[in-house]
Structure formats: structure tokens, C-alpha cells
């Protein structure tokens, strides 16, 4: 078994190196997690470096990492602000301007809806 219990864990430094968190582009979004039926409890979201796919008008199937702005846990139907991070050179970032609405997906499951609040 690879260190950390998964192959993905071993590639984490490479994945982080491919991402850009440039000082000239900071994206802050407000997201609301959708209610997804999962017996017996809802799903919980927490931590840093959460990978999803982002979809919106003119943006389709773009890899996106989001980080919570605090150390809280969030559940279905909770709303919070997050920081968005993309692979370096991702052209879709130009389309993500304040008030742009989007959805987060994991595989083919929509998990959240959001809006861009701030881009600098």
C-alpha cells in the first residue's frame, strides 16, 4: 500500500505545484451546499484542497479546488464563503467575474451552487 493509503496521496505535491494561487487573481465565492439524500445523515464538508468540477455559462467541466475560509464543518444546505484555486493557465478563470453563478460537481452529482463575490 502506498504511503498515506492511496496513490493520490503520493501525487499531492505534484497536484499542488500545478495549481496557481497567484497574487493578482484571488477568487472568493459564496456557495450553498445542496441537500443530497444519503441515509441516515447528510454529507459533511470540511478542510482545505477540496477538488470539484465547476460548471456555469461558458464554463464546463473545469477542475477547481476550493478552500474554506475558516475551520468549520459544513453540511447539506449550509452556505459559506470559499476561496477558489485553478490549474495554472486555466482560460475559464477570465469568465469568473463577480456575480457569475456556477455549480460544483463531483462526478455527475451536483453538490453546490455558488456565485463569485470578489476577484482581484
N, C-alpha and C. Protein backbone atom coordinates (compact mmCIF):
# COMPACT_ATOMS: atom_id res chain seq x y z
N UNK A 1 0.85 -1.18 0.00
CA UNK A 1 0.00 0.00 0.00
C UNK A 1 0.89 1.23 0.00
N UNK A 2 0.64 2.22 -0.89
CA UNK A 2 1.44 3.43 -0.92
C UNK A 2 1.31 4.22 0.38
N UNK A 3 2.28 5.07 0.63
CA UNK A 3 2.25 5.93 1.80
C UNK A 3 0.96 6.73 1.81
N UNK A 4 0.30 6.79 2.95
CA UNK A 4 -0.93 7.55 3.08
C UNK A 4 -2.16 6.78 2.66
N UNK A 5 -1.96 5.55 2.19
CA UNK A 5 -3.10 4.70 1.89
C UNK A 5 -3.69 4.86 0.50
N UNK A 6 -3.16 5.76 -0.32
CA UNK A 6 -3.70 5.89 -1.67
C UNK A 6 -2.64 6.45 -2.61
N UNK A 7 -2.82 6.14 -3.88
CA UNK A 7 -1.91 6.65 -4.89
C UNK A 7 -2.03 8.17 -4.98
N UNK A 8 -3.27 8.69 -4.87
CA UNK A 8 -3.49 10.13 -4.95
C UNK A 8 -2.69 10.88 -3.89
N UNK A 9 -2.56 10.31 -2.71
CA UNK A 9 -1.81 10.97 -1.64
C UNK A 9 -0.36 11.20 -2.07
N UNK A 10 0.23 10.22 -2.76
CA UNK A 10 1.62 10.35 -3.20
C UNK A 10 1.80 11.43 -4.24
N UNK A 11 0.76 11.77 -4.99
CA UNK A 11 0.85 12.78 -6.02
C UNK A 11 0.43 14.16 -5.54
N UNK A 12 0.06 14.31 -4.28
CA UNK A 12 -0.41 15.59 -3.75
C UNK A 12 0.59 16.73 -3.98
N UNK A 13 1.90 16.54 -3.74
CA UNK A 13 2.83 17.65 -4.01
C UNK A 13 2.83 18.07 -5.48
N UNK A 14 2.69 17.12 -6.40
CA UNK A 14 2.65 17.44 -7.82
C UNK A 14 1.38 18.22 -8.14
N UNK A 15 0.26 17.78 -7.62
CA UNK A 15 -1.01 18.47 -7.86
C UNK A 15 -0.95 19.89 -7.33
N UNK A 16 -0.41 20.07 -6.13
CA UNK A 16 -0.30 21.41 -5.56
C UNK A 16 0.61 22.30 -6.40
N UNK A 17 1.67 21.73 -6.96
CA UNK A 17 2.59 22.51 -7.78
C UNK A 17 1.93 22.96 -9.09
N UNK A 18 1.00 22.18 -9.62
CA UNK A 18 0.31 22.52 -10.86
C UNK A 18 -0.75 23.59 -10.66
N UNK A 19 -1.17 23.80 -9.43
CA UNK A 19 -2.20 24.80 -9.15
C UNK A 19 -1.56 26.15 -8.95
N UNK A 20 -2.35 27.16 -9.20
CA UNK A 20 -1.83 28.51 -9.05
C UNK A 20 -2.73 29.28 -8.08
N UNK A 21 -2.09 29.99 -7.21
CA UNK A 21 -2.78 30.87 -6.28
C UNK A 21 -2.05 32.20 -6.39
N UNK A 22 -2.15 32.78 -7.59
CA UNK A 22 -1.36 33.96 -7.91
C UNK A 22 -1.86 35.17 -7.14
N UNK A 23 -0.92 36.06 -6.82
CA UNK A 23 -1.28 37.24 -6.04
C UNK A 23 -2.21 38.17 -6.82
N UNK A 24 -2.17 38.14 -8.15
CA UNK A 24 -3.01 39.04 -8.94
C UNK A 24 -4.42 38.51 -9.17
N UNK A 25 -4.67 37.24 -8.86
CA UNK A 25 -6.02 36.68 -9.02
C UNK A 25 -6.41 35.96 -7.74
N UNK A 26 -7.38 36.49 -7.06
CA UNK A 26 -7.96 35.81 -5.90
C UNK A 26 -9.45 35.74 -6.14
N UNK A 27 -10.00 34.55 -6.11
CA UNK A 27 -11.43 34.37 -6.33
C UNK A 27 -12.08 33.94 -5.03
N UNK A 28 -13.05 34.72 -4.60
CA UNK A 28 -13.84 34.38 -3.41
C UNK A 28 -15.27 34.19 -3.89
N UNK A 29 -15.87 33.09 -3.44
CA UNK A 29 -17.25 32.78 -3.85
C UNK A 29 -18.09 32.43 -2.63
N UNK A 30 -19.37 32.62 -2.77
CA UNK A 30 -20.33 32.20 -1.76
C UNK A 30 -21.04 30.98 -2.33
N UNK A 31 -21.01 29.87 -1.60
CA UNK A 31 -21.65 28.64 -2.08
C UNK A 31 -22.67 28.13 -1.07
N UNK A 32 -23.65 27.44 -1.60
CA UNK A 32 -24.65 26.76 -0.78
C UNK A 32 -24.65 25.29 -1.18
N UNK A 33 -24.39 24.43 -0.22
CA UNK A 33 -24.41 23.00 -0.49
C UNK A 33 -25.84 22.53 -0.66
N UNK A 34 -26.06 21.69 -1.64
CA UNK A 34 -27.39 21.18 -1.92
C UNK A 34 -27.72 20.02 -0.99
N UNK A 35 -29.00 19.81 -0.78
CA UNK A 35 -29.44 18.65 0.02
C UNK A 35 -29.39 17.43 -0.89
N UNK A 36 -28.56 16.51 -0.51
CA UNK A 36 -28.38 15.28 -1.28
C UNK A 36 -28.82 14.13 -0.39
N UNK A 37 -29.86 13.42 -0.76
CA UNK A 37 -30.35 12.34 0.10
C UNK A 37 -29.34 11.21 0.26
N UNK A 38 -28.91 11.03 1.49
CA UNK A 38 -27.99 9.95 1.83
C UNK A 38 -28.38 9.43 3.20
N UNK A 39 -29.05 8.31 3.27
CA UNK A 39 -29.44 7.81 4.59
C UNK A 39 -28.22 7.37 5.40
N UNK A 40 -28.15 7.51 6.70
CA UNK A 40 -29.17 8.15 7.52
C UNK A 40 -28.89 9.62 7.77
N UNK A 41 -27.72 10.14 7.32
CA UNK A 41 -27.36 11.52 7.61
C UNK A 41 -26.98 12.25 6.34
N UNK A 42 -26.94 13.57 6.41
CA UNK A 42 -26.44 14.38 5.30
C UNK A 42 -24.94 14.28 5.21
N UNK A 43 -24.37 14.89 4.18
CA UNK A 43 -22.94 14.83 3.94
C UNK A 43 -22.25 16.00 4.63
N UNK A 44 -21.02 15.83 5.03
CA UNK A 44 -20.26 16.87 5.72
C UNK A 44 -19.09 17.28 4.85
N UNK A 45 -18.80 18.58 4.82
CA UNK A 45 -17.70 19.15 4.04
C UNK A 45 -16.78 19.89 5.00
N UNK A 46 -15.48 19.73 4.83
CA UNK A 46 -14.53 20.43 5.69
C UNK A 46 -13.16 20.44 5.05
N UNK A 47 -12.28 21.23 5.61
CA UNK A 47 -10.87 21.20 5.25
C UNK A 47 -10.45 22.09 4.11
N UNK A 48 -9.28 21.77 3.61
CA UNK A 48 -8.65 22.51 2.52
C UNK A 48 -8.46 21.58 1.33
N UNK A 49 -8.22 22.17 0.18
CA UNK A 49 -7.89 21.41 -1.03
C UNK A 49 -8.98 20.41 -1.42
N UNK A 50 -10.21 20.87 -1.49
CA UNK A 50 -11.34 20.06 -1.91
C UNK A 50 -11.51 20.20 -3.42
N UNK A 51 -11.38 19.11 -4.16
CA UNK A 51 -11.45 19.15 -5.62
C UNK A 51 -12.85 18.87 -6.13
N UNK A 52 -13.30 19.71 -7.05
CA UNK A 52 -14.59 19.55 -7.70
C UNK A 52 -14.44 19.96 -9.17
N UNK A 53 -15.52 19.83 -9.90
CA UNK A 53 -15.62 20.35 -11.27
C UNK A 53 -16.61 21.50 -11.22
N UNK A 54 -16.29 22.58 -11.93
CA UNK A 54 -17.15 23.76 -11.93
C UNK A 54 -17.82 23.88 -13.30
N UNK A 55 -19.12 24.19 -13.27
CA UNK A 55 -19.91 24.38 -14.47
C UNK A 55 -20.69 25.69 -14.33
N UNK A 56 -20.83 26.39 -15.44
CA UNK A 56 -21.62 27.61 -15.50
C UNK A 56 -21.74 28.02 -16.95
N UNK A 57 -22.33 29.17 -17.20
CA UNK A 57 -22.47 29.63 -18.58
C UNK A 57 -21.09 29.87 -19.19
N UNK A 58 -20.76 29.14 -20.23
CA UNK A 58 -19.47 29.28 -20.90
C UNK A 58 -18.33 28.56 -20.21
N UNK A 59 -18.59 27.89 -19.10
CA UNK A 59 -17.56 27.15 -18.35
C UNK A 59 -18.10 25.75 -18.11
N UNK A 60 -17.34 24.75 -18.55
CA UNK A 60 -17.83 23.38 -18.44
C UNK A 60 -16.70 22.44 -18.06
N UNK A 61 -16.93 21.67 -17.01
CA UNK A 61 -16.01 20.61 -16.61
C UNK A 61 -14.59 21.12 -16.33
N UNK A 62 -14.49 22.19 -15.57
CA UNK A 62 -13.20 22.78 -15.22
C UNK A 62 -12.81 22.35 -13.81
N UNK A 63 -11.61 21.80 -13.66
CA UNK A 63 -11.12 21.38 -12.35
C UNK A 63 -10.93 22.61 -11.47
N UNK A 64 -11.41 22.51 -10.25
CA UNK A 64 -11.37 23.64 -9.31
C UNK A 64 -11.14 23.09 -7.90
N UNK A 65 -10.24 23.72 -7.19
CA UNK A 65 -10.01 23.38 -5.79
C UNK A 65 -10.61 24.50 -4.96
N UNK A 66 -11.36 24.13 -3.91
CA UNK A 66 -11.88 25.18 -3.04
C UNK A 66 -11.41 24.94 -1.61
N UNK A 67 -11.21 26.05 -0.92
CA UNK A 67 -10.76 26.05 0.46
C UNK A 67 -11.73 26.86 1.30
N UNK A 68 -12.12 26.32 2.44
CA UNK A 68 -12.98 27.06 3.35
C UNK A 68 -12.17 28.19 3.99
N UNK A 69 -12.85 29.29 4.29
CA UNK A 69 -12.18 30.46 4.87
C UNK A 69 -12.01 30.31 6.38
N UNK A 70 -12.58 29.25 6.96
CA UNK A 70 -12.47 29.03 8.39
C UNK A 70 -12.28 27.53 8.64
N UNK A 71 -12.25 27.13 9.88
CA UNK A 71 -12.04 25.73 10.23
C UNK A 71 -13.33 25.01 10.62
N UNK A 72 -14.45 25.50 10.15
CA UNK A 72 -15.74 24.89 10.49
C UNK A 72 -16.05 23.73 9.55
N UNK A 73 -17.03 22.91 9.97
CA UNK A 73 -17.59 21.87 9.12
C UNK A 73 -18.91 22.38 8.57
N UNK A 74 -19.22 21.99 7.35
CA UNK A 74 -20.46 22.41 6.71
C UNK A 74 -21.23 21.17 6.25
N UNK A 75 -22.55 21.31 6.22
CA UNK A 75 -23.43 20.20 5.87
C UNK A 75 -24.37 20.62 4.76
N UNK A 76 -25.14 19.67 4.25
CA UNK A 76 -26.14 19.96 3.22
C UNK A 76 -26.96 21.18 3.63
N UNK A 77 -27.18 22.06 2.66
CA UNK A 77 -27.96 23.28 2.79
C UNK A 77 -27.27 24.40 3.55
N UNK A 78 -26.01 24.22 3.99
CA UNK A 78 -25.26 25.30 4.62
C UNK A 78 -24.68 26.21 3.53
N UNK A 79 -24.48 27.48 3.90
CA UNK A 79 -23.89 28.47 3.00
C UNK A 79 -22.63 29.02 3.64
N UNK A 80 -21.59 29.22 2.82
CA UNK A 80 -20.32 29.74 3.32
C UNK A 80 -19.54 30.39 2.19
N UNK A 81 -18.50 31.12 2.55
CA UNK A 81 -17.58 31.68 1.56
C UNK A 81 -16.38 30.77 1.43
N UNK A 82 -15.89 30.65 0.19
CA UNK A 82 -14.73 29.79 -0.10
C UNK A 82 -13.78 30.52 -1.04
N UNK A 83 -12.54 30.09 -1.01
CA UNK A 83 -11.53 30.55 -1.96
C UNK A 83 -11.44 29.51 -3.07
N UNK A 84 -11.40 29.97 -4.34
CA UNK A 84 -11.29 29.07 -5.47
C UNK A 84 -9.88 29.12 -6.04
N UNK A 85 -9.33 27.96 -6.39
CA UNK A 85 -7.99 27.84 -6.96
C UNK A 85 -8.08 26.95 -8.20
N UNK A 86 -7.37 27.33 -9.27
CA UNK A 86 -7.42 26.60 -10.53
C UNK A 86 -6.02 26.23 -10.99
N UNK A 87 -5.94 25.28 -11.93
CA UNK A 87 -4.66 24.96 -12.53
C UNK A 87 -4.12 26.19 -13.24
N UNK A 88 -2.80 26.36 -13.22
CA UNK A 88 -2.16 27.50 -13.85
C UNK A 88 -2.50 27.54 -15.34
N UNK A 89 -2.84 28.72 -15.81
CA UNK A 89 -3.16 28.91 -17.22
C UNK A 89 -4.58 28.54 -17.61
N UNK A 90 -5.43 28.21 -16.66
CA UNK A 90 -6.82 27.82 -16.96
C UNK A 90 -7.55 29.02 -17.59
N UNK A 91 -7.95 28.92 -18.86
CA UNK A 91 -8.58 30.07 -19.53
C UNK A 91 -9.97 30.42 -18.98
N UNK A 92 -10.66 29.48 -18.37
CA UNK A 92 -12.00 29.74 -17.84
C UNK A 92 -11.99 30.78 -16.73
N UNK A 93 -10.87 30.98 -16.07
CA UNK A 93 -10.79 31.92 -14.95
C UNK A 93 -11.19 33.33 -15.39
N UNK A 94 -10.89 33.68 -16.64
CA UNK A 94 -11.24 35.02 -17.15
C UNK A 94 -12.75 35.27 -17.12
N UNK A 95 -13.54 34.20 -17.25
CA UNK A 95 -15.00 34.34 -17.28
C UNK A 95 -15.62 34.45 -15.89
N UNK A 96 -14.85 34.14 -14.87
CA UNK A 96 -15.37 34.11 -13.50
C UNK A 96 -15.25 35.50 -12.87
N UNK A 97 -16.25 36.30 -13.08
CA UNK A 97 -16.28 37.68 -12.59
C UNK A 97 -17.35 37.78 -11.50
N UNK A 98 -17.31 38.85 -10.69
CA UNK A 98 -18.34 39.00 -9.66
C UNK A 98 -19.75 38.87 -10.24
N UNK A 99 -20.61 38.19 -9.49
CA UNK A 99 -22.00 37.88 -9.81
C UNK A 99 -22.16 36.72 -10.80
N UNK A 100 -21.06 36.12 -11.24
CA UNK A 100 -21.14 34.93 -12.10
C UNK A 100 -21.64 33.76 -11.25
N UNK A 101 -22.66 33.06 -11.73
CA UNK A 101 -23.21 31.92 -10.99
C UNK A 101 -22.68 30.61 -11.58
N UNK A 102 -22.51 29.63 -10.72
CA UNK A 102 -21.91 28.36 -11.13
C UNK A 102 -22.41 27.23 -10.25
N UNK A 103 -22.05 26.01 -10.62
CA UNK A 103 -22.35 24.82 -9.82
C UNK A 103 -21.08 24.02 -9.62
N UNK A 104 -20.99 23.35 -8.48
CA UNK A 104 -19.91 22.40 -8.20
C UNK A 104 -20.45 20.99 -8.43
N UNK A 105 -19.64 20.17 -9.08
CA UNK A 105 -20.00 18.77 -9.31
C UNK A 105 -18.86 17.87 -8.84
N UNK A 106 -19.22 16.70 -8.33
CA UNK A 106 -18.31 15.59 -8.11
C UNK A 106 -18.87 14.47 -8.96
N UNK A 107 -18.08 14.03 -9.94
CA UNK A 107 -18.55 13.09 -10.96
C UNK A 107 -19.78 13.70 -11.62
N UNK A 108 -20.92 13.04 -11.62
CA UNK A 108 -22.11 13.63 -12.24
C UNK A 108 -23.12 14.13 -11.20
N UNK A 109 -22.67 14.31 -9.96
CA UNK A 109 -23.54 14.74 -8.87
C UNK A 109 -23.30 16.21 -8.55
N UNK A 110 -24.34 17.03 -8.69
CA UNK A 110 -24.24 18.45 -8.33
C UNK A 110 -24.30 18.55 -6.81
N UNK A 111 -23.27 19.15 -6.20
CA UNK A 111 -23.21 19.23 -4.75
C UNK A 111 -23.44 20.63 -4.20
N UNK A 112 -23.24 21.68 -5.03
CA UNK A 112 -23.38 23.05 -4.52
C UNK A 112 -23.64 24.02 -5.67
N UNK A 113 -24.25 25.14 -5.32
CA UNK A 113 -24.43 26.26 -6.25
C UNK A 113 -23.73 27.45 -5.62
N UNK A 114 -23.19 28.32 -6.48
CA UNK A 114 -22.47 29.46 -5.92
C UNK A 114 -22.47 30.67 -6.82
N UNK A 115 -21.91 31.74 -6.30
CA UNK A 115 -21.76 32.98 -7.02
C UNK A 115 -20.39 33.58 -6.66
N UNK A 116 -19.71 34.13 -7.66
CA UNK A 116 -18.43 34.80 -7.42
C UNK A 116 -18.72 36.12 -6.73
N UNK A 117 -18.03 36.36 -5.61
CA UNK A 117 -18.20 37.62 -4.86
C UNK A 117 -17.12 38.62 -5.19
N UNK A 118 -15.88 38.12 -5.32
CA UNK A 118 -14.74 39.03 -5.44
C UNK A 118 -13.65 38.40 -6.30
N UNK A 119 -13.08 39.19 -7.15
CA UNK A 119 -11.93 38.76 -7.96
C UNK A 119 -10.93 39.90 -7.96
N UNK A 120 -9.70 39.58 -7.60
CA UNK A 120 -8.68 40.64 -7.61
C UNK A 120 -7.40 40.13 -8.22
